[in-house]
Amino acid sequence: MKKLGSIALRLNNFLYNAGILGLLKVFEYCRIPLELYQVNGSELVISPEIFTSEKFDFPRMYYETLKYYFEDGTVWKKIVDLEFDIERLNISNDEGKEIFDKLIKKEIIDTKCLERSSYRSGYDIVKQKDDEFDVISSMNMLKKETDYIKKKDILLIIIRYIKKYHETFCFKDMSYTKINQFWSDMAFLNRQSNKKDMLECYESVFCIPVYKYLLTSKNKLQDFCLDCGNPIKMSDAFGMSWINGVGVDHRRKKSYFWNSKPDSFLCPVCALVYSCSPLGFVFAKKKNDSVFINNNTSIEELKRNNEGFTSEVIGNLDNLAEVCFNVTNRLIQKELELKESELQNIQVIIRNDSGYNIGIISREKLIVIKECENSFRRLTERRIKNQDNWISVYENVLNNLLSGRNQYIHINMYFRISLREKQSSWYIWDVLRIQIWKKGGNCMDEFKRSIVMAKFAKEIRSKIAGNSEEADNKLRGFAYKLLNSLQAHDRHRFMNVIIRMYTGLGLQIPQLFLKMFENDDTFMNLGYAFILGLKGEEYNPAENIKKEA
């Protein structure tokens, strides 16, 4: 056989990058010798031997890697896990029989998991392997049987049958819950192939074309792969309609292309890379929602972002919003370790039933987080009780920042909770500081003015109520009026309250209040700082933390 050149895959779009990461997972899980592939920065260099040598069964490797990462949460796993419970169950007494009935009713009969169309097509695949066992008939026997020893035996035979042919039934589950989120209508996901051996389908559609392509002379080829740029023969090219949310059906949508001539084709190697893209995403437990952190800096960085702390953070989380928050949070903590000049945009891709949601954590937002690092760290554990609910201030602040929203609505809410529940509110200084840095400009000057404004308010507090424990009660009415004014963005109403306070005490109004009329943000910042001072909360983080300890 003629000597073949190496295959070079370079980081590209997020889905292709997920495919490269997925392909690496296959190599690593199946322990492909390191001399047959190498990561060089943003490039993965692969020896063609992996796809052309009889030593390597790539379809089998692909399936085994999928099973390792995705079998938890599949119907197949739930069924085979019943074997241990059924075997050790004592059905010689009424209690054991009742447990047996409830178990099969809940896990098998009510769910109809063995009667699903995907499993029915799986039974046809297994029959082609000369195993004529009939699951549906056995299930009917199980339902009619009254002898519990026989019922137990029948159920164990069914479970062991499903367990034995995991490459059919587990593969079916993973295909229709994980893989088909990313691609469909190809190989084992093609409707016409749903009763064919799945490993053989994958081999014939993806692996054999790669083998033939690598042997093909490319000297005279005039068409090129959209992703890698290598020459391709149109008879060997893949369209892109099978890639969900990305591809266009060339046969039906030719008007999308110049002169109605489609030019977005893939070579077989890149098609195989895309087939591995589900392995690049990290899924929430028991869910089909997933997250991918894209980074074109290097493949190693891509691995660290997705295989390391992303998998660790997602862990046992069920809720996608919680997954995204925790992944983003850990990413940010990692970025904080870098110098400001090294900060880069982060692309977070979320895949759920509605498609791909792509979010960018911009460098500007990361700089805010970097500058306010201590404030964020202090807020990490800050949870406040609002009647029967607990609120994570850190989550609210971070979500507001990443979504481009101001913190003012939540600041107002935190003040009202603290007044009602008689809670400390010094942490609002950190929220206010983050808000000031988010707006940019002369952040330090604006924050210093806020500290001065709080000192003015604390002087008012001591004049009205002294240092008595009843100070908050005496000032609560003023605080609510000021909060209502800030909520309504009403400077004049706010100043009316201030004028009455100062004139009633015979004090001169500081000129700093004139700054409130410069712009809405300064009004809000100084206004909320004044309320902090009115509540006796000075900006002194170390001292405040010590008081709460």
Protein backbone atom coordinates (compact mmCIF):
# COMPACT_ATOMS: atom_id res chain seq x y z
CA MET A 1 0.00 0.00 0.00
CA LYS A 2 1.36 3.42 -0.84
CA LYS A 3 2.62 5.61 2.02
CA LEU A 4 0.07 8.17 3.12
CA GLY A 5 0.73 11.66 4.45
CA SER A 6 -0.48 12.68 7.92
CA ILE A 7 -3.89 14.23 8.52
CA ALA A 8 -3.85 17.76 9.95
CA LEU A 9 -6.98 19.11 11.67
CA ARG A 10 -7.00 22.77 12.74
CA LEU A 11 -9.34 24.54 15.14
CA ASN A 12 -12.21 26.16 13.29
CA ASN A 13 -15.84 26.82 14.26
CA PHE A 14 -17.18 25.70 17.64
CA LEU A 15 -18.88 22.52 16.33
CA TYR A 16 -15.78 21.44 14.43
CA ASN A 17 -13.69 22.16 17.53
CA ALA A 18 -16.08 20.01 19.59
CA GLY A 19 -15.53 17.28 16.99
CA ILE A 20 -11.74 17.54 17.34
CA LEU A 21 -12.11 17.30 21.10
CA GLY A 22 -14.44 14.32 20.67
CA LEU A 23 -11.97 12.61 18.37
CA LEU A 24 -9.23 13.11 20.94
CA LYS A 25 -11.46 11.52 23.57
CA VAL A 26 -11.80 8.45 21.33
CA PHE A 27 -8.02 8.21 20.93
CA GLU A 28 -7.36 8.67 24.63
CA TYR A 29 -10.09 6.36 25.93
CA CYS A 30 -9.10 3.59 23.50
CA ARG A 31 -5.41 4.16 24.25
CA ILE A 32 -4.25 4.83 20.72
CA PRO A 33 -0.41 4.99 20.79
CA LEU A 34 0.77 8.58 21.18
CA GLU A 35 3.11 8.23 18.21
CA LEU A 36 0.03 8.01 15.97
CA TYR A 37 -1.37 11.42 16.89
CA GLN A 38 0.05 14.67 18.18
CA VAL A 39 -1.33 18.00 19.36
CA ASN A 40 0.63 21.01 18.12
CA GLY A 41 -0.97 24.23 19.34
CA SER A 42 -4.21 24.62 17.42
CA GLU A 43 -3.52 21.61 15.19
CA LEU A 44 -4.15 17.90 15.66
CA VAL A 45 -1.89 15.75 13.49
CA ILE A 46 -3.10 12.18 12.96
CA SER A 47 -1.49 9.18 11.33
CA PRO A 48 -3.77 7.71 8.63
CA GLU A 49 -2.94 4.31 10.13
CA ILE A 50 -5.70 4.83 12.69
CA PHE A 51 -8.27 4.72 9.88
CA THR A 52 -6.55 2.38 7.43
CA SER A 53 -4.91 -0.32 9.57
CA GLU A 54 -6.75 -3.49 10.56
CA LYS A 55 -5.26 -3.08 14.05
CA PHE A 56 -7.79 -0.34 14.77
CA ASP A 57 -11.55 -0.75 14.65
CA PHE A 58 -12.63 2.89 14.67
CA PRO A 59 -16.42 2.24 14.68
CA ARG A 60 -15.99 0.05 17.76
CA MET A 61 -13.71 2.65 19.37
CA TYR A 62 -16.27 5.36 18.62
CA TYR A 63 -19.08 3.36 20.24
CA GLU A 64 -17.08 2.35 23.32
CA THR A 65 -16.13 5.98 23.95
CA LEU A 66 -19.75 7.09 23.58
CA LYS A 67 -20.77 4.39 26.02
CA TYR A 68 -18.15 5.43 28.55
CA TYR A 69 -19.31 9.05 28.56
CA PHE A 70 -23.04 8.74 27.89
CA GLU A 71 -24.39 5.42 29.18
CA ASP A 72 -25.44 6.90 32.53
CA GLY A 73 -29.01 8.10 32.26
CA THR A 74 -29.87 5.85 29.32
CA VAL A 75 -32.87 3.53 29.44
CA TRP A 76 -30.46 0.65 28.78
CA LYS A 77 -28.48 1.47 31.94
CA LYS A 78 -31.64 1.66 34.04
CA ILE A 79 -32.75 -1.75 32.76
CA VAL A 80 -29.44 -3.56 33.28
CA ASP A 81 -29.03 -2.00 36.74
CA LEU A 82 -32.21 -3.81 37.75
CA GLU A 83 -30.44 -7.17 37.44
CA PHE A 84 -28.67 -6.88 40.79
CA ASP A 85 -31.84 -5.83 42.65
CA ILE A 86 -33.93 -8.58 41.07
CA GLU A 87 -31.33 -11.29 41.73
CA ARG A 88 -31.06 -10.53 45.44
CA LEU A 89 -34.78 -9.97 45.94
CA ASN A 90 -36.43 -12.62 48.14
CA ILE A 91 -39.82 -13.35 46.58
CA SER A 92 -40.74 -16.19 48.91
CA ASN A 93 -42.84 -13.85 51.03
CA ASP A 94 -45.59 -11.31 50.35
CA GLU A 95 -43.32 -8.33 51.01
CA GLY A 96 -40.82 -9.49 48.37
CA LYS A 97 -43.59 -10.12 45.85
CA GLU A 98 -44.99 -6.64 46.44
CA ILE A 99 -41.57 -5.06 45.94
CA PHE A 100 -41.12 -7.10 42.74
CA ASP A 101 -44.48 -5.97 41.34
CA LYS A 102 -43.83 -2.31 42.15
CA LEU A 103 -40.35 -2.48 40.67
CA ILE A 104 -41.31 -3.92 37.29
CA LYS A 105 -44.42 -1.73 37.14
CA LYS A 106 -42.48 1.47 37.78
CA GLU A 107 -39.35 0.76 35.75
CA ILE A 108 -40.61 -1.39 32.86
CA ILE A 109 -44.37 -1.77 32.45
CA ASP A 110 -45.47 1.82 33.06
CA THR A 111 -42.57 3.31 31.09
CA LYS A 112 -43.06 0.84 28.20
CA CYS A 113 -39.31 1.14 27.74
CA LEU A 114 -39.02 -2.25 26.05
CA GLU A 115 -41.82 -1.50 23.61
CA ARG A 116 -40.42 1.72 22.15
CA SER A 117 -39.93 1.89 18.40
CA SER A 118 -36.16 2.30 18.79
CA TYR A 119 -35.97 -0.94 20.78
CA ARG A 120 -38.31 -2.76 18.40
CA SER A 121 -35.96 -1.94 15.54
CA GLY A 122 -33.15 -3.11 17.82
CA TYR A 123 -34.80 -6.51 18.20
CA ASP A 124 -34.78 -6.83 14.40
CA ILE A 125 -31.05 -6.02 14.37
CA VAL A 126 -30.33 -8.68 16.99
CA LYS A 127 -32.34 -11.30 15.06
CA GLN A 128 -29.88 -10.81 12.21
CA LYS A 129 -27.24 -12.15 14.63
CA ASP A 130 -29.24 -15.43 14.83
CA ASP A 131 -30.76 -14.70 18.22
CA GLU A 132 -34.49 -15.34 17.93
CA PHE A 133 -35.39 -14.42 21.49
CA ASP A 134 -38.63 -12.39 21.48
CA VAL A 135 -38.73 -9.66 24.13
CA ILE A 136 -42.32 -8.57 23.43
CA SER A 137 -43.66 -12.13 23.77
CA SER A 138 -41.62 -12.63 26.93
CA MET A 139 -43.05 -9.43 28.40
CA ASN A 140 -46.58 -10.68 27.70
CA MET A 141 -45.70 -13.96 29.44
CA LEU A 142 -44.32 -11.99 32.39
CA LYS A 143 -47.56 -10.04 32.77
CA LYS A 144 -49.70 -13.20 32.68
CA GLU A 145 -47.51 -15.42 34.83
CA THR A 146 -48.65 -15.92 38.44
CA ASP A 147 -45.72 -17.96 39.71
CA TYR A 148 -43.24 -15.40 41.07
CA ILE A 149 -40.22 -17.67 40.67
CA LYS A 150 -41.01 -17.98 36.96
CA LYS A 151 -41.76 -14.25 36.72
CA LYS A 152 -38.36 -13.50 38.20
CA ASP A 153 -36.63 -15.87 35.80
CA ILE A 154 -38.38 -14.37 32.77
CA LEU A 155 -37.48 -10.84 33.80
CA LEU A 156 -33.82 -11.78 34.38
CA ILE A 157 -33.65 -13.41 30.95
CA ILE A 158 -35.02 -10.21 29.36
CA ILE A 159 -32.59 -7.99 31.28
CA ARG A 160 -29.60 -10.18 30.37
CA TYR A 161 -30.64 -10.15 26.74
CA ILE A 162 -30.71 -6.32 26.74
CA LYS A 163 -27.40 -6.27 28.59
CA LYS A 164 -25.73 -8.69 26.17
CA TYR A 165 -26.57 -6.62 23.10
CA HIS A 166 -25.50 -3.28 24.52
CA GLU A 167 -23.95 -2.24 21.20
CA THR A 168 -27.50 -2.19 19.85
CA PHE A 169 -29.71 -1.00 22.71
CA CYS A 170 -27.32 1.30 24.54
CA PHE A 171 -26.23 2.69 21.17
CA LYS A 172 -29.89 3.28 20.26
CA ASP A 173 -30.45 5.23 23.48
CA MET A 174 -27.36 7.39 23.01
CA SER A 175 -28.22 8.00 19.37
CA TYR A 176 -31.72 9.31 20.08
CA THR A 177 -30.86 11.32 23.19
CA LYS A 178 -27.35 12.65 22.63
CA ILE A 179 -26.09 12.20 19.07
CA ASN A 180 -29.24 13.34 17.24
CA GLN A 181 -28.98 16.73 18.92
CA PHE A 182 -25.93 17.39 16.76
CA TRP A 183 -26.47 15.42 13.57
CA SER A 184 -29.16 13.25 12.00
CA ASP A 185 -30.33 11.45 8.82
CA MET A 186 -26.94 9.78 8.40
CA ALA A 187 -25.62 6.29 9.17
CA PHE A 188 -27.66 4.66 11.98
CA LEU A 189 -29.81 7.80 12.29
CA ASN A 190 -31.07 7.44 8.76
CA ARG A 191 -34.63 6.08 8.84
CA GLN A 192 -33.85 3.57 6.12
CA SER A 193 -31.01 2.16 8.22
CA ASN A 194 -32.74 1.90 11.59
CA LYS A 195 -32.87 -1.91 11.34
CA LYS A 196 -29.25 -2.31 10.28
CA ASP A 197 -26.29 -3.02 12.53
CA MET A 198 -25.28 0.36 13.94
CA LEU A 199 -21.54 -0.19 13.96
CA GLU A 200 -21.65 -1.35 10.36
CA CYS A 201 -23.73 1.71 9.43
CA TYR A 202 -21.20 4.06 11.01
CA GLU A 203 -18.35 2.26 9.28
CA SER A 204 -19.93 2.33 5.84
CA VAL A 205 -20.99 6.00 6.02
CA PHE A 206 -18.03 7.59 7.79
CA CYS A 207 -15.02 5.27 8.03
CA ILE A 208 -14.84 3.58 4.63
CA PRO A 209 -15.12 6.95 2.81
CA VAL A 210 -12.19 8.22 4.90
CA TYR A 211 -10.16 5.15 3.95
CA LYS A 212 -10.92 5.62 0.23
CA TYR A 213 -10.31 9.38 0.41
CA LEU A 214 -6.89 8.92 1.94
CA LEU A 215 -5.93 6.58 -0.92
CA THR A 216 -7.23 8.93 -3.62
CA SER A 217 -4.79 11.05 -5.62
CA LYS A 218 -5.73 14.72 -5.17
CA ASN A 219 -3.49 16.30 -7.79
CA LYS A 220 -6.23 17.09 -10.30
CA LEU A 221 -9.12 17.79 -7.96
CA GLN A 222 -10.63 21.27 -8.29
CA ASP A 223 -13.14 21.35 -5.44
CA PHE A 224 -12.21 21.94 -1.83
CA CYS A 225 -13.47 21.03 1.63
CA LEU A 226 -15.22 23.92 3.35
CA ASP A 227 -13.46 23.32 6.69
CA CYS A 228 -9.96 21.97 6.07
CA GLY A 229 -9.49 23.34 2.56
CA ASN A 230 -8.18 20.06 1.18
CA PRO A 231 -9.11 19.00 -2.38
CA ILE A 232 -12.10 16.70 -2.70
CA LYS A 233 -13.74 14.68 -5.39
CA MET A 234 -17.40 15.65 -5.59
CA SER A 235 -18.50 12.02 -5.66
CA ASP A 236 -16.81 11.58 -2.27
CA ALA A 237 -17.97 14.88 -0.76
CA PHE A 238 -20.45 15.21 2.09
CA GLY A 239 -23.16 17.84 2.13
CA MET A 240 -23.95 19.65 5.38
CA SER A 241 -27.70 19.20 5.77
CA TRP A 242 -27.16 16.33 8.23
CA ILE A 243 -25.43 18.70 10.71
CA ASN A 244 -28.23 20.11 12.85
CA GLY A 245 -28.58 23.86 13.10
CA VAL A 246 -25.68 24.49 10.73
CA GLY A 247 -26.03 22.71 7.42
CA VAL A 248 -28.10 23.59 4.35
CA ASP A 249 -29.81 20.96 2.20
CA HIS A 250 -28.08 21.43 -1.16
CA ARG A 251 -30.84 19.59 -2.99
CA ARG A 252 -33.63 21.86 -1.76
CA LYS A 253 -31.94 25.19 -1.02
CA LYS A 254 -29.68 25.90 -3.98
CA SER A 255 -30.85 29.51 -4.05
CA TYR A 256 -28.64 30.16 -0.98
CA PHE A 257 -25.52 29.81 -3.11
CA TRP A 258 -23.88 31.97 -5.78
CA ASN A 259 -25.38 31.13 -9.17
CA SER A 260 -27.36 28.43 -7.33
CA LYS A 261 -24.23 26.27 -7.26
CA PRO A 262 -23.64 24.77 -3.79
CA ASP A 263 -20.05 25.04 -2.63
CA SER A 264 -20.23 24.08 1.05
CA PHE A 265 -19.04 20.48 0.97
CA LEU A 266 -16.99 18.47 3.41
CA CYS A 267 -14.26 15.94 2.83
CA PRO A 268 -14.82 12.54 4.50
CA VAL A 269 -12.26 13.31 7.21
CA CYS A 270 -14.06 16.48 8.32
CA ALA A 271 -17.40 14.67 8.16
CA LEU A 272 -16.01 12.08 10.58
CA VAL A 273 -14.79 14.91 12.83
CA TYR A 274 -18.31 16.37 12.94
CA SER A 275 -19.69 12.92 13.82
CA CYS A 276 -17.58 13.10 16.99
CA SER A 277 -18.92 16.52 18.04
CA PRO A 278 -21.37 15.13 20.68
CA LEU A 279 -18.36 13.85 22.61
CA GLY A 280 -16.92 17.37 22.77
CA PHE A 281 -19.91 18.73 24.70
CA VAL A 282 -20.49 18.17 28.41
CA PHE A 283 -24.01 17.10 29.35
CA ALA A 284 -25.99 17.84 32.49
CA LYS A 285 -26.83 14.74 34.50
CA LYS A 286 -30.00 12.96 33.33
CA LYS A 287 -30.56 15.71 30.76
CA ASN A 288 -29.93 16.15 27.06
CA ASP A 289 -28.81 19.75 27.55
CA SER A 290 -25.11 20.37 27.10
CA VAL A 291 -22.39 23.02 27.25
CA PHE A 292 -19.23 23.62 25.23
CA ILE A 293 -16.60 26.25 25.98
CA ASN A 294 -15.03 27.31 22.71
CA ASN A 295 -11.46 28.52 22.57
CA ASN A 296 -9.35 28.76 19.42
CA THR A 297 -6.14 29.53 21.30
CA SER A 298 -5.02 25.90 21.41
CA ILE A 299 -6.37 22.37 21.60
CA GLU A 300 -4.84 21.90 25.04
CA GLU A 301 -6.70 24.97 26.30
CA LEU A 302 -9.88 23.62 24.71
CA LYS A 303 -9.37 20.34 26.58
CA ARG A 304 -8.72 22.07 29.88
CA ASN A 305 -11.84 24.18 29.55
CA ASN A 306 -14.16 21.30 28.69
CA GLU A 307 -12.70 18.08 30.03
CA GLY A 308 -11.33 19.40 33.30
CA PHE A 309 -13.30 21.81 35.43
CA THR A 310 -16.37 21.84 33.15
CA SER A 311 -16.96 18.14 33.76
CA GLU A 312 -16.15 18.58 37.44
CA VAL A 313 -18.54 21.52 37.83
CA ILE A 314 -21.44 19.92 35.97
CA GLY A 315 -21.08 16.77 38.08
CA ASN A 316 -24.53 15.88 39.35
CA LEU A 317 -26.32 19.05 38.28
CA ASP A 318 -29.72 18.53 36.67
CA ASN A 319 -30.62 22.10 35.75
CA LEU A 320 -29.05 23.65 32.63
CA ALA A 321 -29.19 27.18 34.04
CA GLU A 322 -27.28 25.96 37.09
CA VAL A 323 -24.82 24.15 34.82
CA CYS A 324 -24.17 27.25 32.73
CA PHE A 325 -23.76 29.44 35.78
CA ASN A 326 -21.30 27.08 37.43
CA VAL A 327 -19.28 26.54 34.26
CA THR A 328 -19.14 30.29 33.64
CA ASN A 329 -18.21 30.91 37.25
CA ARG A 330 -15.29 28.48 37.11
CA LEU A 331 -14.15 29.92 33.79
CA ILE A 332 -14.09 33.36 35.32
CA GLN A 333 -12.15 32.17 38.34
CA LYS A 334 -9.63 30.66 35.94
CA GLU A 335 -9.40 33.88 33.92
CA LEU A 336 -8.79 35.90 37.09
CA GLU A 337 -5.47 34.10 37.40
CA LEU A 338 -4.29 35.80 34.20
CA LYS A 339 -2.87 39.28 33.77
CA GLU A 340 -5.34 41.84 32.43
CA SER A 341 -3.46 42.02 29.11
CA GLU A 342 -3.96 38.25 28.66
CA LEU A 343 -7.74 38.25 29.10
CA GLN A 344 -9.70 37.09 26.05
CA ASN A 345 -13.34 36.74 25.08
CA ILE A 346 -14.94 33.46 26.18
CA GLN A 347 -17.50 31.76 23.94
CA VAL A 348 -20.02 29.60 25.80
CA ILE A 349 -22.24 27.38 23.60
CA ILE A 350 -25.37 25.86 25.11
CA ARG A 351 -27.20 23.10 23.26
CA ASN A 352 -30.78 22.36 24.26
CA ASP A 353 -34.10 21.49 22.61
CA SER A 354 -34.37 24.97 21.08
CA GLY A 355 -30.99 24.69 19.34
CA TYR A 356 -27.66 26.41 19.94
CA ASN A 357 -27.43 29.43 22.23
CA ILE A 358 -24.10 31.18 21.92
CA GLY A 359 -22.99 33.63 24.59
CA ILE A 360 -19.87 35.76 24.68
CA ILE A 361 -18.22 36.81 27.92
CA SER A 362 -16.40 39.83 26.55
CA ARG A 363 -12.93 40.93 27.54
CA GLU A 364 -14.47 44.14 28.92
CA LYS A 365 -16.64 42.16 31.36
CA LEU A 366 -13.69 40.03 32.38
CA ILE A 367 -11.73 43.21 33.12
CA VAL A 368 -14.55 44.38 35.41
CA ILE A 369 -14.39 41.04 37.20
CA LYS A 370 -10.61 41.31 37.41
CA GLU A 371 -10.74 44.85 38.83
CA CYS A 372 -13.46 43.89 41.31
CA GLU A 373 -12.01 40.50 42.16
CA ASN A 374 -12.10 41.04 45.94
CA SER A 375 -15.71 42.21 45.78
CA PHE A 376 -16.71 39.09 43.85
CA ARG A 377 -14.87 36.84 46.27
CA ARG A 378 -16.60 38.44 49.25
CA LEU A 379 -19.98 37.96 47.57
CA THR A 380 -19.37 34.30 46.75
CA GLU A 381 -20.86 33.01 49.99
CA ARG A 382 -23.33 35.86 50.47
CA ARG A 383 -26.84 34.48 50.68
CA ILE A 384 -29.70 36.50 52.13
CA LYS A 385 -33.02 35.27 53.43
CA ASN A 386 -36.13 36.75 51.86
CA GLN A 387 -39.06 35.37 53.84
CA ASP A 388 -38.85 31.60 53.15
CA ASN A 389 -36.37 31.83 50.27
CA TRP A 390 -32.61 32.19 50.13
CA ILE A 391 -31.08 34.46 47.49
CA SER A 392 -27.52 34.14 46.19
CA VAL A 393 -26.27 37.72 45.82
CA TYR A 394 -23.23 36.47 43.93
CA GLU A 395 -25.33 34.68 41.30
CA ASN A 396 -27.54 37.72 40.81
CA VAL A 397 -24.57 40.07 40.45
CA LEU A 398 -22.70 37.79 38.04
CA ASN A 399 -25.78 37.09 35.91
CA ASN A 400 -26.57 40.81 35.71
CA LEU A 401 -23.03 41.61 34.62
CA LEU A 402 -22.86 38.85 32.00
CA SER A 403 -26.30 39.81 30.66
CA GLY A 404 -25.38 43.49 30.42
CA ARG A 405 -27.96 44.51 33.05
CA ASN A 406 -27.46 47.09 35.79
CA GLN A 407 -27.40 46.04 39.44
CA TYR A 408 -29.72 48.80 40.63
CA ILE A 409 -32.96 46.79 40.73
CA HIS A 410 -31.35 44.17 42.93
CA ILE A 411 -29.61 46.77 45.10
CA ASN A 412 -33.00 48.30 45.80
CA MET A 413 -34.39 44.86 46.63
CA TYR A 414 -31.47 44.06 48.96
CA PHE A 415 -32.08 47.28 50.90
CA ARG A 416 -35.77 46.53 51.32
CA ILE A 417 -35.02 43.01 52.54
CA SER A 418 -32.43 44.30 55.01
CA LEU A 419 -34.90 46.87 56.37
CA ARG A 420 -37.72 44.37 56.67
CA GLU A 421 -35.67 41.48 58.03
CA LYS A 422 -33.30 43.71 60.05
CA GLN A 423 -30.26 42.27 58.27
CA SER A 424 -26.79 43.68 57.68
CA SER A 425 -26.41 45.36 54.29
CA TRP A 426 -22.69 46.18 54.12
CA TYR A 427 -22.26 43.71 51.22
CA ILE A 428 -24.19 46.17 49.03
CA TRP A 429 -20.98 48.18 48.91
CA ASP A 430 -19.45 45.38 46.85
CA VAL A 431 -22.47 45.23 44.53
CA LEU A 432 -22.33 49.01 44.08
CA ARG A 433 -18.60 48.90 43.39
CA ILE A 434 -19.09 46.29 40.66
CA GLN A 435 -21.86 48.41 39.12
CA ILE A 436 -19.63 51.52 39.07
CA TRP A 437 -16.77 49.62 37.38
CA LYS A 438 -19.21 48.13 34.88
CA LYS A 439 -20.14 51.61 33.60
CA GLY A 440 -16.48 52.52 33.09
CA GLY A 441 -15.10 56.04 33.04
CA ASN A 442 -13.50 57.47 36.18
CA CYS A 443 -14.52 54.52 38.33
CA MET A 444 -12.21 55.26 41.24
CA ASP A 445 -13.34 58.88 41.52
CA GLU A 446 -17.00 57.85 41.35
CA PHE A 447 -16.52 55.25 44.06
CA LYS A 448 -14.60 57.68 46.29
CA ARG A 449 -17.46 60.15 45.95
CA SER A 450 -19.86 57.37 47.00
CA ILE A 451 -17.79 56.73 50.13
CA VAL A 452 -17.86 60.44 50.98
CA MET A 453 -21.63 60.53 50.42
CA ALA A 454 -22.06 57.63 52.85
CA LYS A 455 -20.09 59.57 55.49
CA PHE A 456 -22.43 62.54 55.08
CA ALA A 457 -25.37 60.19 55.63
CA LYS A 458 -23.77 58.64 58.70
CA GLU A 459 -23.48 62.14 60.21
CA ILE A 460 -27.22 62.60 59.63
CA ARG A 461 -27.82 59.23 61.31
CA SER A 462 -25.91 60.26 64.43
CA LYS A 463 -27.74 63.63 64.59
CA ILE A 464 -31.20 62.04 64.30
CA ALA A 465 -30.79 58.84 66.28
CA GLY A 466 -27.33 58.87 67.83
CA ASN A 467 -25.81 55.41 68.16
CA SER A 468 -28.84 53.83 69.78
CA GLU A 469 -30.20 50.45 68.79
CA GLU A 470 -33.39 52.22 67.68
CA ALA A 471 -31.51 54.19 65.00
CA ASP A 472 -32.72 51.95 62.16
CA ASN A 473 -36.32 52.20 63.34
CA LYS A 474 -36.17 56.01 63.44
CA LEU A 475 -34.58 56.23 59.99
CA ARG A 476 -36.62 53.49 58.28
CA GLY A 477 -39.21 55.94 56.96
CA PHE A 478 -36.53 58.15 55.38
CA ALA A 479 -34.83 55.11 53.87
CA TYR A 480 -38.04 53.85 52.24
CA LYS A 481 -38.79 57.28 50.76
CA LEU A 482 -35.29 57.48 49.30
CA LEU A 483 -35.56 53.92 47.95
CA ASN A 484 -38.87 54.75 46.24
CA SER A 485 -37.29 57.84 44.66
CA LEU A 486 -34.33 55.84 43.37
CA GLN A 487 -36.58 53.08 42.06
CA ALA A 488 -38.52 55.71 40.11
CA HIS A 489 -35.28 57.46 38.98
CA ASP A 490 -36.80 60.66 40.42
CA ARG A 491 -34.02 63.08 41.44
CA HIS A 492 -36.38 65.86 42.56
CA ARG A 493 -38.34 63.58 44.84
CA PHE A 494 -35.09 62.29 46.30
CA MET A 495 -33.78 65.81 46.90
CA ASN A 496 -37.05 66.88 48.58
CA VAL A 497 -36.44 64.21 51.23
CA ILE A 498 -32.79 65.30 51.60
CA ILE A 499 -33.74 69.00 51.93
CA ARG A 500 -36.29 68.22 54.66
CA MET A 501 -33.72 66.13 56.55
CA TYR A 502 -30.98 68.78 56.43
CA THR A 503 -33.19 71.81 57.08
CA GLY A 504 -34.89 70.02 59.95
CA LEU A 505 -31.48 69.56 61.58
CA GLY A 506 -30.30 73.06 60.69
CA LEU A 507 -27.45 71.68 58.56
CA GLN A 508 -26.06 72.88 55.26
CA ILE A 509 -26.57 70.53 52.30
CA PRO A 510 -23.17 69.35 50.91
CA GLN A 511 -22.40 70.41 47.34
CA LEU A 512 -21.77 66.76 46.43
CA PHE A 513 -25.54 66.36 46.02
CA LEU A 514 -25.31 68.57 42.90
CA LYS A 515 -23.37 65.74 41.22
CA MET A 516 -26.60 63.73 41.22
CA PHE A 517 -27.92 65.92 38.41
CA GLU A 518 -25.03 65.10 36.03
CA ASN A 519 -26.40 61.74 34.88
CA ASP A 520 -28.69 58.94 35.97
CA ASP A 521 -25.89 56.53 36.99
CA THR A 522 -24.22 59.07 39.28
CA PHE A 523 -27.61 59.79 40.85
CA MET A 524 -28.14 56.09 41.53
CA ASN A 525 -24.62 55.48 42.81
CA LEU A 526 -24.59 58.44 45.20
CA GLY A 527 -28.19 57.84 46.22
CA TYR A 528 -27.64 54.22 47.24
CA ALA A 529 -24.34 55.16 48.93
CA PHE A 530 -26.28 57.73 51.00
CA ILE A 531 -28.73 55.02 52.14
CA LEU A 532 -25.79 52.77 53.08
CA GLY A 533 -24.47 55.56 55.29
CA LEU A 534 -27.93 56.21 56.70
CA LYS A 535 -27.97 52.55 57.80
CA GLY A 536 -24.55 52.97 59.38
CA GLU A 537 -22.73 50.86 56.78
CA GLU A 538 -19.30 52.35 56.08
CA TYR A 539 -17.03 50.96 53.37
CA ASN A 540 -14.67 48.90 55.48
CA PRO A 541 -14.76 45.29 54.19
CA ALA A 542 -12.23 43.81 56.60
CA GLU A 543 -13.96 45.31 59.64
CA ASN A 544 -17.43 44.33 58.42
CA ILE A 545 -16.40 40.71 57.82
CA LYS A 546 -14.83 40.61 61.29
CA LYS A 547 -18.09 41.82 62.84
CA GLU A 548 -20.06 39.04 61.14
CA ALA A 549 -17.58 36.32 62.10
